[in-house]
């Protein structure tokens, strides 16, 4: 009986961990697609569900570049 309770608790705790890795993958995928010009800055912001009030494309590009730069392992990568 103790093993059943322990197993249930471990399964309950592991579910949020999977959600975090899924979200991280989506962020990295969206940033990569933006960098490859498959998505525009405004579409990438919308896909990442970021709060962005501006409508200007140039300002949106600066915003998404700054956001995606946090997720790149190499600081010298230019979007």
Protein backbone atom coordinates (compact mmCIF):
# COMPACT_ATOMS: atom_id res chain seq x y z
CA UNK A 1 0.00 0.00 0.00
CA UNK A 2 2.88 2.36 0.79
CA UNK A 3 4.36 1.72 -2.66
CA UNK A 4 1.07 2.64 -4.33
CA UNK A 5 0.93 5.95 -2.48
CA UNK A 6 4.60 6.65 -3.24
CA UNK A 7 4.07 5.85 -6.91
CA UNK A 8 1.05 8.14 -7.09
CA UNK A 9 2.96 11.01 -5.48
CA UNK A 10 5.94 10.57 -7.83
CA UNK A 11 3.70 10.53 -10.90
CA UNK A 12 1.96 13.67 -9.68
CA UNK A 13 5.26 15.49 -9.21
CA UNK A 14 6.73 14.42 -12.55
CA UNK A 15 3.84 15.82 -14.64
CA UNK A 16 4.79 19.52 -14.15
CA UNK A 17 8.37 18.71 -15.12
CA UNK A 18 7.19 17.48 -18.51
CA UNK A 19 5.14 20.64 -19.01
CA UNK A 20 8.21 22.81 -18.39
CA UNK A 21 10.31 20.97 -20.96
CA UNK A 22 7.47 21.16 -23.50
CA UNK A 23 7.19 24.92 -23.01
CA UNK A 24 10.95 25.34 -23.30
CA UNK A 25 10.97 23.37 -26.56
CA UNK A 26 8.20 25.55 -27.97
CA UNK A 27 10.13 28.71 -27.09
CA UNK A 28 13.33 27.45 -28.67
CA UNK A 29 11.45 26.22 -31.75
CA UNK A 30 9.67 29.54 -32.22
CA UNK A 31 12.90 31.51 -31.78
CA UNK A 32 14.66 29.26 -34.31
CA UNK A 33 11.82 29.65 -36.82
CA UNK A 34 11.94 33.43 -36.35
CA UNK A 35 15.69 33.42 -36.93
CA UNK A 36 15.24 31.36 -40.10
CA UNK A 37 12.63 33.90 -41.27
CA UNK A 38 9.84 31.29 -41.23
CA UNK A 39 7.91 33.55 -38.85
CA UNK A 40 7.66 37.30 -38.55
CA UNK A 41 8.33 39.03 -35.26
CA UNK A 42 4.66 39.71 -34.60
CA UNK A 43 3.71 36.07 -35.30
CA UNK A 44 6.50 34.83 -33.02
CA UNK A 45 5.31 37.13 -30.23
CA UNK A 46 1.77 35.87 -30.68
CA UNK A 47 2.90 32.20 -30.71
CA UNK A 48 4.93 32.72 -27.52
CA UNK A 49 1.92 34.43 -25.90
CA UNK A 50 4.02 37.39 -24.81
CA UNK A 51 2.51 40.66 -23.64
CA UNK A 52 3.30 43.17 -26.36
CA UNK A 53 1.25 46.33 -26.80
CA UNK A 54 3.02 47.82 -29.80
CA UNK A 55 2.07 47.22 -33.41
CA UNK A 56 5.28 48.45 -35.04
CA UNK A 57 7.23 45.67 -36.81
CA UNK A 58 10.66 47.18 -36.06
CA UNK A 59 9.88 47.49 -32.36
CA UNK A 60 8.51 43.93 -32.39
CA UNK A 61 11.76 42.67 -33.92
CA UNK A 62 13.79 44.29 -31.14
CA UNK A 63 11.43 42.83 -28.55
CA UNK A 64 11.63 39.27 -29.90
CA UNK A 65 15.42 39.50 -30.40
CA UNK A 66 15.84 40.46 -26.77
CA UNK A 67 13.50 37.69 -25.63
CA UNK A 68 15.14 34.99 -27.76
CA UNK A 69 18.65 36.07 -26.80
CA UNK A 70 17.95 34.78 -23.29
CA UNK A 71 17.46 31.25 -24.65
CA UNK A 72 20.55 31.04 -26.84
CA UNK A 73 23.58 29.38 -25.28
CA UNK A 74 26.04 31.49 -27.27
CA UNK A 75 25.96 35.21 -26.54
CA UNK A 76 27.46 36.05 -29.94
CA UNK A 77 24.43 34.79 -31.88
CA UNK A 78 22.72 37.63 -33.70
CA UNK A 79 19.11 37.28 -34.72
